All heavy atoms as atom14 arrays in JSON, in Angstrom:
{
  "sequence": "YTKHLFDNRYGTGQSALDGILRATNLLIAGKTVVVAGYGWCGRGV",
  "atom14_mask": [
    [1, 1, 1, 1, 1, 1, 1, 1, 1, 1, 1, 1, 0, 0],
    [1, 1, 1, 1, 1, 1, 1, 0, 0, 0, 0, 0, 0, 0],
    [1, 1, 1, 1, 1, 1, 1, 1, 1, 0, 0, 0, 0, 0],
    [1, 1, 1, 1, 1, 1, 1, 1, 1, 1, 0, 0, 0, 0],
    [1, 1, 1, 1, 1, 1, 1, 1, 0, 0, 0, 0, 0, 0],
    [1, 1, 1, 1, 1, 1, 1, 1, 1, 1, 1, 0, 0, 0],
    [1, 1, 1, 1, 1, 1, 1, 1, 0, 0, 0, 0, 0, 0],
    [1, 1, 1, 1, 1, 1, 1, 1, 0, 0, 0, 0, 0, 0],
    [1, 1, 1, 1, 1, 1, 1, 1, 1, 1, 1, 0, 0, 0],
    [1, 1, 1, 1, 1, 1, 1, 1, 1, 1, 1, 1, 0, 0],
    [1, 1, 1, 1, 0, 0, 0, 0, 0, 0, 0, 0, 0, 0],
    [1, 1, 1, 1, 1, 1, 1, 0, 0, 0, 0, 0, 0, 0],
    [1, 1, 1, 1, 0, 0, 0, 0, 0, 0, 0, 0, 0, 0],
    [1, 1, 1, 1, 1, 1, 1, 1, 1, 0, 0, 0, 0, 0],
    [1, 1, 1, 1, 1, 1, 0, 0, 0, 0, 0, 0, 0, 0],
    [1, 1, 1, 1, 1, 0, 0, 0, 0, 0, 0, 0, 0, 0],
    [1, 1, 1, 1, 1, 1, 1, 1, 0, 0, 0, 0, 0, 0],
    [1, 1, 1, 1, 1, 1, 1, 1, 0, 0, 0, 0, 0, 0],
    [1, 1, 1, 1, 0, 0, 0, 0, 0, 0, 0, 0, 0, 0],
    [1, 1, 1, 1, 1, 1, 1, 1, 0, 0, 0, 0, 0, 0],
    [1, 1, 1, 1, 1, 1, 1, 1, 0, 0, 0, 0, 0, 0],
    [1, 1, 1, 1, 1, 1, 1, 1, 1, 1, 1, 0, 0, 0],
    [1, 1, 1, 1, 1, 0, 0, 0, 0, 0, 0, 0, 0, 0],
    [1, 1, 1, 1, 1, 1, 1, 0, 0, 0, 0, 0, 0, 0],
    [1, 1, 1, 1, 1, 1, 1, 1, 0, 0, 0, 0, 0, 0],
    [1, 1, 1, 1, 1, 1, 1, 1, 0, 0, 0, 0, 0, 0],
    [1, 1, 1, 1, 1, 1, 1, 1, 0, 0, 0, 0, 0, 0],
    [1, 1, 1, 1, 1, 1, 1, 1, 0, 0, 0, 0, 0, 0],
    [1, 1, 1, 1, 1, 0, 0, 0, 0, 0, 0, 0, 0, 0],
    [1, 1, 1, 1, 0, 0, 0, 0, 0, 0, 0, 0, 0, 0],
    [1, 1, 1, 1, 1, 1, 1, 1, 1, 0, 0, 0, 0, 0],
    [1, 1, 1, 1, 1, 1, 1, 0, 0, 0, 0, 0, 0, 0],
    [1, 1, 1, 1, 1, 1, 1, 0, 0, 0, 0, 0, 0, 0],
    [1, 1, 1, 1, 1, 1, 1, 0, 0, 0, 0, 0, 0, 0],
    [1, 1, 1, 1, 1, 1, 1, 0, 0, 0, 0, 0, 0, 0],
    [1, 1, 1, 1, 1, 0, 0, 0, 0, 0, 0, 0, 0, 0],
    [1, 1, 1, 1, 0, 0, 0, 0, 0, 0, 0, 0, 0, 0],
    [1, 1, 1, 1, 1, 1, 1, 1, 1, 1, 1, 1, 0, 0],
    [1, 1, 1, 1, 0, 0, 0, 0, 0, 0, 0, 0, 0, 0],
    [1, 1, 1, 1, 1, 1, 1, 1, 1, 1, 1, 1, 1, 1],
    [1, 1, 1, 1, 1, 1, 0, 0, 0, 0, 0, 0, 0, 0],
    [1, 1, 1, 1, 0, 0, 0, 0, 0, 0, 0, 0, 0, 0],
    [1, 1, 1, 1, 1, 1, 1, 1, 1, 1, 1, 0, 0, 0],
    [1, 1, 1, 1, 0, 0, 0, 0, 0, 0, 0, 0, 0, 0],
    [1, 1, 1, 1, 1, 1, 1, 0, 0, 0, 0, 0, 0, 0]
  ],
  "atom14_positions": [
    [[0.83, -1.18, -0.01], [-0.02, -0.01, 0.01], [0.82, 1.27, 0.0], [0.56, 2.23, -0.69], [-0.96, 0.01, 1.21], [-2.05, -0.96, 1.15], [-2.04, -2.15, 1.89], [-3.17, -0.83, 0.36], [-3.04, -3.08, 1.83], [-4.19, -1.71, 0.22], [-4.09, -2.87, 0.98], [-5.1, -3.78, 0.83], [0.0, 0.0, 0.0], [0.0, 0.0, 0.0]],
    [[1.92, 1.24, 0.8], [2.76, 2.39, 0.89], [3.7, 2.61, -0.3], [4.49, 3.5, -0.38], [3.6, 2.43, 2.2], [4.15, 1.14, 2.38], [2.74, 2.76, 3.38], [0.0, 0.0, 0.0], [0.0, 0.0, 0.0], [0.0, 0.0, 0.0], [0.0, 0.0, 0.0], [0.0, 0.0, 0.0], [0.0, 0.0, 0.0], [0.0, 0.0, 0.0]],
    [[3.6, 1.66, -1.31], [4.26, 1.88, -2.55], [3.29, 2.31, -3.64], [3.36, 3.43, -4.13], [4.97, 0.49, -2.94], [6.07, 0.64, -3.99], [5.58, 0.69, -5.43], [6.64, 0.78, -6.45], [6.11, 0.87, -7.81], [0.0, 0.0, 0.0], [0.0, 0.0, 0.0], [0.0, 0.0, 0.0], [0.0, 0.0, 0.0], [0.0, 0.0, 0.0]],
    [[2.38, 1.42, -4.1], [1.61, 1.74, -5.28], [0.61, 2.86, -5.12], [0.34, 3.61, -5.96], [0.94, 0.44, -5.77], [-0.26, -0.02, -4.98], [-0.21, -0.92, -4.05], [-1.57, 0.33, -5.03], [-1.37, -1.27, -3.57], [-2.22, -0.43, -4.1], [0.0, 0.0, 0.0], [0.0, 0.0, 0.0], [0.0, 0.0, 0.0], [0.0, 0.0, 0.0]],
    [[0.08, 3.06, -3.89], [-0.89, 4.15, -3.73], [-0.16, 5.49, -3.72], [-0.8, 6.53, -4.03], [-1.57, 4.02, -2.33], [-2.55, 2.89, -2.22], [-3.18, 2.87, -0.8], [-3.66, 2.97, -3.22], [0.0, 0.0, 0.0], [0.0, 0.0, 0.0], [0.0, 0.0, 0.0], [0.0, 0.0, 0.0], [0.0, 0.0, 0.0], [0.0, 0.0, 0.0]],
    [[1.17, 5.47, -3.58], [1.89, 6.77, -3.49], [2.9, 6.9, -4.66], [2.88, 7.86, -5.38], [2.55, 6.97, -2.18], [1.57, 6.87, -1.04], [1.24, 5.62, -0.36], [0.88, 8.02, -0.59], [0.31, 5.66, 0.65], [0.03, 7.98, 0.48], [-0.35, 6.78, 1.02], [0.0, 0.0, 0.0], [0.0, 0.0, 0.0], [0.0, 0.0, 0.0]],
    [[3.76, 5.9, -4.77], [4.78, 5.89, -5.75], [4.08, 5.88, -7.23], [4.34, 6.72, -8.01], [5.67, 4.72, -5.62], [6.79, 4.46, -6.66], [6.48, 4.65, -7.85], [7.84, 4.11, -6.27], [0.0, 0.0, 0.0], [0.0, 0.0, 0.0], [0.0, 0.0, 0.0], [0.0, 0.0, 0.0], [0.0, 0.0, 0.0], [0.0, 0.0, 0.0]],
    [[3.22, 4.87, -7.41], [2.59, 4.78, -8.73], [1.7, 5.94, -9.08], [1.64, 6.39, -10.23], [1.83, 3.42, -8.82], [2.73, 2.18, -8.69], [3.73, 2.25, -7.99], [2.27, 1.02, -9.19], [0.0, 0.0, 0.0], [0.0, 0.0, 0.0], [0.0, 0.0, 0.0], [0.0, 0.0, 0.0], [0.0, 0.0, 0.0], [0.0, 0.0, 0.0]],
    [[0.97, 6.36, -8.1], [-0.07, 7.4, -8.32], [0.58, 8.89, -8.3], [0.69, 9.56, -9.24], [-1.18, 7.36, -7.36], [-2.24, 8.45, -7.52], [-3.49, 8.18, -6.75], [-3.36, 7.68, -5.47], [-4.36, 7.53, -4.6], [-5.56, 7.86, -4.92], [-4.23, 7.03, -3.4], [0.0, 0.0, 0.0], [0.0, 0.0, 0.0], [0.0, 0.0, 0.0]],
    [[1.06, 9.23, -7.12], [1.6, 10.62, -6.98], [2.97, 10.72, -7.58], [3.3, 11.75, -8.12], [1.62, 10.97, -5.49], [0.2, 10.96, -4.84], [-0.07, 9.9, -3.96], [-0.68, 11.82, -5.22], [-1.39, 9.85, -3.36], [-1.97, 11.82, -4.67], [-2.31, 10.8, -3.75], [-3.56, 10.74, -3.16], [0.0, 0.0, 0.0], [0.0, 0.0, 0.0]],
    [[3.83, 9.68, -7.47], [5.16, 9.69, -8.06], [5.07, 9.75, -9.56], [5.63, 10.7, -10.19], [0.0, 0.0, 0.0], [0.0, 0.0, 0.0], [0.0, 0.0, 0.0], [0.0, 0.0, 0.0], [0.0, 0.0, 0.0], [0.0, 0.0, 0.0], [0.0, 0.0, 0.0], [0.0, 0.0, 0.0], [0.0, 0.0, 0.0], [0.0, 0.0, 0.0]],
    [[4.41, 8.75, -10.22], [4.36, 8.77, -11.7], [3.62, 9.95, -12.21], [3.95, 10.6, -13.21], [3.72, 7.48, -12.11], [4.4, 6.38, -11.6], [3.7, 7.44, -13.65], [0.0, 0.0, 0.0], [0.0, 0.0, 0.0], [0.0, 0.0, 0.0], [0.0, 0.0, 0.0], [0.0, 0.0, 0.0], [0.0, 0.0, 0.0], [0.0, 0.0, 0.0]],
    [[2.53, 10.34, -11.45], [1.75, 11.47, -11.88], [2.54, 12.72, -12.01], [2.49, 13.43, -13.06], [0.0, 0.0, 0.0], [0.0, 0.0, 0.0], [0.0, 0.0, 0.0], [0.0, 0.0, 0.0], [0.0, 0.0, 0.0], [0.0, 0.0, 0.0], [0.0, 0.0, 0.0], [0.0, 0.0, 0.0], [0.0, 0.0, 0.0], [0.0, 0.0, 0.0]],
    [[3.41, 12.98, -10.98], [4.19, 14.24, -11.02], [5.35, 14.1, -11.98], [5.65, 14.94, -12.72], [4.68, 14.57, -9.64], [5.62, 15.82, -9.59], [5.93, 16.3, -8.17], [5.0, 16.36, -7.37], [7.2, 16.52, -7.93], [0.0, 0.0, 0.0], [0.0, 0.0, 0.0], [0.0, 0.0, 0.0], [0.0, 0.0, 0.0], [0.0, 0.0, 0.0]],
    [[6.12, 12.94, -11.87], [7.37, 12.91, -12.57], [7.18, 12.67, -14.13], [8.05, 13.08, -14.91], [8.2, 11.73, -12.02], [7.61, 10.48, -12.24], [0.0, 0.0, 0.0], [0.0, 0.0, 0.0], [0.0, 0.0, 0.0], [0.0, 0.0, 0.0], [0.0, 0.0, 0.0], [0.0, 0.0, 0.0], [0.0, 0.0, 0.0], [0.0, 0.0, 0.0]],
    [[6.13, 12.02, -14.46], [5.87, 11.87, -15.93], [5.62, 13.23, -16.57], [6.17, 13.56, -17.63], [4.74, 10.93, -16.17], [0.0, 0.0, 0.0], [0.0, 0.0, 0.0], [0.0, 0.0, 0.0], [0.0, 0.0, 0.0], [0.0, 0.0, 0.0], [0.0, 0.0, 0.0], [0.0, 0.0, 0.0], [0.0, 0.0, 0.0], [0.0, 0.0, 0.0]],
    [[4.82, 14.04, -15.98], [4.52, 15.34, -16.48], [5.79, 16.2, -16.43], [6.08, 17.07, -17.29], [3.43, 16.06, -15.7], [1.98, 15.82, -16.24], [1.78, 16.39, -17.63], [1.61, 14.36, -16.24], [0.0, 0.0, 0.0], [0.0, 0.0, 0.0], [0.0, 0.0, 0.0], [0.0, 0.0, 0.0], [0.0, 0.0, 0.0], [0.0, 0.0, 0.0]],
    [[6.59, 16.06, -15.36], [7.83, 16.76, -15.3], [8.78, 16.45, -16.43], [9.4, 17.3, -16.94], [8.5, 16.4, -13.92], [9.85, 17.03, -13.61], [10.02, 18.23, -14.1], [10.71, 16.48, -13.02], [0.0, 0.0, 0.0], [0.0, 0.0, 0.0], [0.0, 0.0, 0.0], [0.0, 0.0, 0.0], [0.0, 0.0, 0.0], [0.0, 0.0, 0.0]],
    [[8.89, 15.16, -16.75], [9.71, 14.76, -17.84], [9.24, 15.37, -19.19], [10.07, 15.77, -19.96], [0.0, 0.0, 0.0], [0.0, 0.0, 0.0], [0.0, 0.0, 0.0], [0.0, 0.0, 0.0], [0.0, 0.0, 0.0], [0.0, 0.0, 0.0], [0.0, 0.0, 0.0], [0.0, 0.0, 0.0], [0.0, 0.0, 0.0], [0.0, 0.0, 0.0]],
    [[7.92, 15.39, -19.4], [7.44, 15.97, -20.59], [7.71, 17.47, -20.71], [8.12, 17.99, -21.78], [5.85, 15.72, -20.72], [5.65, 14.15, -20.9], [5.27, 16.51, -21.85], [4.23, 13.76, -20.75], [0.0, 0.0, 0.0], [0.0, 0.0, 0.0], [0.0, 0.0, 0.0], [0.0, 0.0, 0.0], [0.0, 0.0, 0.0], [0.0, 0.0, 0.0]],
    [[7.46, 18.16, -19.53], [7.73, 19.61, -19.51], [9.23, 19.88, -19.77], [9.59, 20.82, -20.47], [7.25, 20.17, -18.16], [5.76, 20.16, -18.01], [5.39, 20.47, -16.55], [5.06, 21.18, -18.96], [0.0, 0.0, 0.0], [0.0, 0.0, 0.0], [0.0, 0.0, 0.0], [0.0, 0.0, 0.0], [0.0, 0.0, 0.0], [0.0, 0.0, 0.0]],
    [[10.13, 19.21, -19.13], [11.52, 19.4, -19.26], [11.98, 19.12, -20.74], [12.78, 19.88, -21.29], [12.33, 18.5, -18.35], [12.23, 18.91, -16.9], [13.4, 18.32, -16.16], [13.15, 18.07, -14.72], [14.03, 17.66, -13.9], [15.29, 17.47, -14.22], [13.68, 17.44, -12.61], [0.0, 0.0, 0.0], [0.0, 0.0, 0.0], [0.0, 0.0, 0.0]],
    [[11.4, 18.15, -21.37], [11.78, 17.75, -22.74], [11.36, 18.71, -23.74], [12.03, 19.05, -24.72], [11.35, 16.36, -23.08], [0.0, 0.0, 0.0], [0.0, 0.0, 0.0], [0.0, 0.0, 0.0], [0.0, 0.0, 0.0], [0.0, 0.0, 0.0], [0.0, 0.0, 0.0], [0.0, 0.0, 0.0], [0.0, 0.0, 0.0], [0.0, 0.0, 0.0]],
    [[10.16, 19.26, -23.56], [9.42, 20.01, -24.58], [9.39, 21.54, -24.28], [9.23, 22.36, -25.28], [8.02, 19.52, -24.85], [7.24, 19.78, -23.62], [7.97, 18.06, -25.16], [0.0, 0.0, 0.0], [0.0, 0.0, 0.0], [0.0, 0.0, 0.0], [0.0, 0.0, 0.0], [0.0, 0.0, 0.0], [0.0, 0.0, 0.0], [0.0, 0.0, 0.0]],
    [[9.31, 21.9, -23.06], [9.14, 23.35, -22.75], [7.81, 23.86, -23.22], [7.77, 24.97, -23.71], [10.29, 24.19, -23.13], [10.26, 25.58, -22.59], [9.77, 25.7, -21.33], [10.75, 26.61, -23.3], [0.0, 0.0, 0.0], [0.0, 0.0, 0.0], [0.0, 0.0, 0.0], [0.0, 0.0, 0.0], [0.0, 0.0, 0.0], [0.0, 0.0, 0.0]],
    [[6.83, 23.03, -23.36], [5.5, 23.37, -23.88], [4.46, 23.48, -22.78], [4.57, 22.91, -21.66], [5.01, 22.38, -24.91], [5.94, 22.3, -26.2], [5.3, 21.19, -27.11], [5.97, 23.62, -26.91], [0.0, 0.0, 0.0], [0.0, 0.0, 0.0], [0.0, 0.0, 0.0], [0.0, 0.0, 0.0], [0.0, 0.0, 0.0], [0.0, 0.0, 0.0]],
    [[3.37, 24.2, -23.04], [2.27, 24.4, -22.11], [1.36, 23.2, -22.15], [0.98, 22.68, -23.25], [1.49, 25.69, -22.49], [0.4, 26.17, -21.53], [0.95, 26.69, -20.24], [-0.41, 27.28, -22.2], [0.0, 0.0, 0.0], [0.0, 0.0, 0.0], [0.0, 0.0, 0.0], [0.0, 0.0, 0.0], [0.0, 0.0, 0.0], [0.0, 0.0, 0.0]],
    [[0.87, 22.74, -20.97], [-0.03, 21.6, -20.86], [-1.49, 22.17, -21.0], [-2.36, 21.6, -21.61], [0.17, 20.8, -19.59], [1.6, 20.27, -19.5], [-0.91, 19.73, -19.51], [1.81, 19.2, -20.58], [0.0, 0.0, 0.0], [0.0, 0.0, 0.0], [0.0, 0.0, 0.0], [0.0, 0.0, 0.0], [0.0, 0.0, 0.0], [0.0, 0.0, 0.0]],
    [[-1.72, 23.34, -20.33], [-3.07, 23.91, -20.29], [-3.59, 24.12, -21.68], [-2.92, 24.65, -22.57], [-2.96, 25.22, -19.52], [0.0, 0.0, 0.0], [0.0, 0.0, 0.0], [0.0, 0.0, 0.0], [0.0, 0.0, 0.0], [0.0, 0.0, 0.0], [0.0, 0.0, 0.0], [0.0, 0.0, 0.0], [0.0, 0.0, 0.0], [0.0, 0.0, 0.0]],
    [[-4.85, 23.68, -21.84], [-5.47, 23.93, -23.11], [-5.29, 22.76, -24.11], [-5.98, 22.71, -25.15], [0.0, 0.0, 0.0], [0.0, 0.0, 0.0], [0.0, 0.0, 0.0], [0.0, 0.0, 0.0], [0.0, 0.0, 0.0], [0.0, 0.0, 0.0], [0.0, 0.0, 0.0], [0.0, 0.0, 0.0], [0.0, 0.0, 0.0], [0.0, 0.0, 0.0]],
    [[-4.39, 21.81, -23.77], [-4.13, 20.67, -24.73], [-5.0, 19.47, -24.29], [-5.47, 19.37, -23.19], [-2.63, 20.34, -24.74], [-1.79, 21.39, -25.37], [-0.37, 20.87, -25.48], [0.5, 21.77, -26.35], [0.57, 23.19, -25.81], [0.0, 0.0, 0.0], [0.0, 0.0, 0.0], [0.0, 0.0, 0.0], [0.0, 0.0, 0.0], [0.0, 0.0, 0.0]],
    [[-5.13, 18.6, -25.26], [-5.84, 17.32, -25.03], [-4.71, 16.24, -24.75], [-3.95, 15.96, -25.61], [-6.68, 16.85, -26.16], [-7.8, 17.83, -26.39], [-7.36, 15.53, -25.88], [0.0, 0.0, 0.0], [0.0, 0.0, 0.0], [0.0, 0.0, 0.0], [0.0, 0.0, 0.0], [0.0, 0.0, 0.0], [0.0, 0.0, 0.0], [0.0, 0.0, 0.0]],
    [[-4.77, 15.76, -23.46], [-3.78, 14.72, -23.13], [-4.53, 13.33, -23.09], [-5.47, 13.18, -22.31], [-3.15, 15.06, -21.67], [-2.26, 13.94, -21.25], [-2.39, 16.34, -21.76], [0.0, 0.0, 0.0], [0.0, 0.0, 0.0], [0.0, 0.0, 0.0], [0.0, 0.0, 0.0], [0.0, 0.0, 0.0], [0.0, 0.0, 0.0], [0.0, 0.0, 0.0]],
    [[-3.97, 12.44, -23.76], [-4.52, 11.07, -23.86], [-3.71, 10.17, -22.89], [-2.51, 10.04, -23.17], [-4.59, 10.51, -25.25], [-5.03, 9.12, -25.26], [-5.36, 11.35, -26.18], [0.0, 0.0, 0.0], [0.0, 0.0, 0.0], [0.0, 0.0, 0.0], [0.0, 0.0, 0.0], [0.0, 0.0, 0.0], [0.0, 0.0, 0.0], [0.0, 0.0, 0.0]],
    [[-4.36, 9.62, -21.91], [-3.62, 8.69, -20.97], [-4.07, 7.31, -21.24], [-5.3, 6.97, -21.15], [-3.93, 9.02, -19.48], [-3.22, 8.08, -18.55], [-3.53, 10.57, -19.21], [0.0, 0.0, 0.0], [0.0, 0.0, 0.0], [0.0, 0.0, 0.0], [0.0, 0.0, 0.0], [0.0, 0.0, 0.0], [0.0, 0.0, 0.0], [0.0, 0.0, 0.0]],
    [[-3.15, 6.44, -21.64], [-3.46, 5.04, -21.96], [-3.24, 4.23, -20.72], [-2.17, 4.02, -20.22], [-2.6, 4.56, -23.15], [0.0, 0.0, 0.0], [0.0, 0.0, 0.0], [0.0, 0.0, 0.0], [0.0, 0.0, 0.0], [0.0, 0.0, 0.0], [0.0, 0.0, 0.0], [0.0, 0.0, 0.0], [0.0, 0.0, 0.0], [0.0, 0.0, 0.0]],
    [[-4.37, 3.66, -20.15], [-4.34, 2.86, -19.02], [-4.77, 3.7, -17.77], [-4.35, 4.85, -17.57], [0.0, 0.0, 0.0], [0.0, 0.0, 0.0], [0.0, 0.0, 0.0], [0.0, 0.0, 0.0], [0.0, 0.0, 0.0], [0.0, 0.0, 0.0], [0.0, 0.0, 0.0], [0.0, 0.0, 0.0], [0.0, 0.0, 0.0], [0.0, 0.0, 0.0]],
    [[-5.6, 3.09, -16.93], [-6.1, 3.78, -15.78], [-5.85, 2.95, -14.46], [-6.73, 2.78, -13.62], [-7.59, 4.19, -15.9], [-7.99, 5.35, -15.07], [-7.48, 6.6, -15.28], [-8.85, 5.11, -14.03], [-7.96, 7.63, -14.55], [-9.31, 6.18, -13.24], [-8.84, 7.44, -13.47], [-9.27, 8.49, -12.71], [0.0, 0.0, 0.0], [0.0, 0.0, 0.0]],
    [[-4.7, 2.28, -14.39], [-4.19, 1.74, -13.13], [-3.72, 2.89, -12.26], [-4.1, 4.06, -12.5], [0.0, 0.0, 0.0], [0.0, 0.0, 0.0], [0.0, 0.0, 0.0], [0.0, 0.0, 0.0], [0.0, 0.0, 0.0], [0.0, 0.0, 0.0], [0.0, 0.0, 0.0], [0.0, 0.0, 0.0], [0.0, 0.0, 0.0], [0.0, 0.0, 0.0]],
    [[-2.95, 2.56, -11.27], [-2.49, 3.61, -10.35], [-1.62, 4.67, -10.98], [-1.68, 5.82, -10.7], [-1.83, 3.02, -9.13], [-2.78, 2.28, -8.19], [-2.9, 0.97, -8.04], [-3.87, 2.89, -7.46], [-4.03, 0.7, -7.2], [-4.59, 1.91, -6.82], [-4.26, 4.21, -7.23], [-5.57, 2.1, -5.95], [-5.31, 4.44, -6.32], [-6.02, 3.44, -5.74]],
    [[-0.77, 4.22, -11.91], [0.01, 5.21, -12.71], [-0.82, 6.08, -13.62], [-0.72, 7.29, -13.61], [1.09, 4.47, -13.54], [2.33, 3.58, -12.55], [0.0, 0.0, 0.0], [0.0, 0.0, 0.0], [0.0, 0.0, 0.0], [0.0, 0.0, 0.0], [0.0, 0.0, 0.0], [0.0, 0.0, 0.0], [0.0, 0.0, 0.0], [0.0, 0.0, 0.0]],
    [[-1.77, 5.5, -14.3], [-2.65, 6.27, -15.15], [-3.5, 7.24, -14.37], [-3.73, 8.35, -14.82], [0.0, 0.0, 0.0], [0.0, 0.0, 0.0], [0.0, 0.0, 0.0], [0.0, 0.0, 0.0], [0.0, 0.0, 0.0], [0.0, 0.0, 0.0], [0.0, 0.0, 0.0], [0.0, 0.0, 0.0], [0.0, 0.0, 0.0], [0.0, 0.0, 0.0]],
    [[-4.01, 6.78, -13.21], [-4.78, 7.7, -12.37], [-3.97, 8.98, -12.05], [-4.42, 10.04, -12.04], [-5.15, 6.99, -11.09], [-6.19, 5.98, -11.2], [-6.49, 5.29, -9.85], [-7.51, 4.25, -9.89], [-7.38, 2.94, -10.09], [-6.11, 2.54, -10.25], [-8.35, 2.17, -9.99], [0.0, 0.0, 0.0], [0.0, 0.0, 0.0], [0.0, 0.0, 0.0]],
    [[-2.75, 8.71, -11.65], [-1.91, 9.79, -11.19], [-1.57, 10.78, -12.32], [-1.65, 12.01, -12.22], [0.0, 0.0, 0.0], [0.0, 0.0, 0.0], [0.0, 0.0, 0.0], [0.0, 0.0, 0.0], [0.0, 0.0, 0.0], [0.0, 0.0, 0.0], [0.0, 0.0, 0.0], [0.0, 0.0, 0.0], [0.0, 0.0, 0.0], [0.0, 0.0, 0.0]],
    [[-1.23, 10.25, -13.52], [-0.98, 11.04, -14.73], [-2.18, 11.84, -15.11], [-2.1, 13.06, -15.35], [-0.47, 10.18, -15.92], [-0.34, 11.05, -17.15], [0.88, 9.61, -15.54], [0.0, 0.0, 0.0], [0.0, 0.0, 0.0], [0.0, 0.0, 0.0], [0.0, 0.0, 0.0], [0.0, 0.0, 0.0], [0.0, 0.0, 0.0], [0.0, 0.0, 0.0]]
  ]
}
């Protein structure tokens, strides 16, 4: 519980978007983001 509820959800949610922002320097607001999969990682993203 102290791994997937936090690492997979809050960790992946924040760090995946962080990686995209660092790589692209683009704005997320106003865009359509397609998330494939709605497990704990997908929920977080």
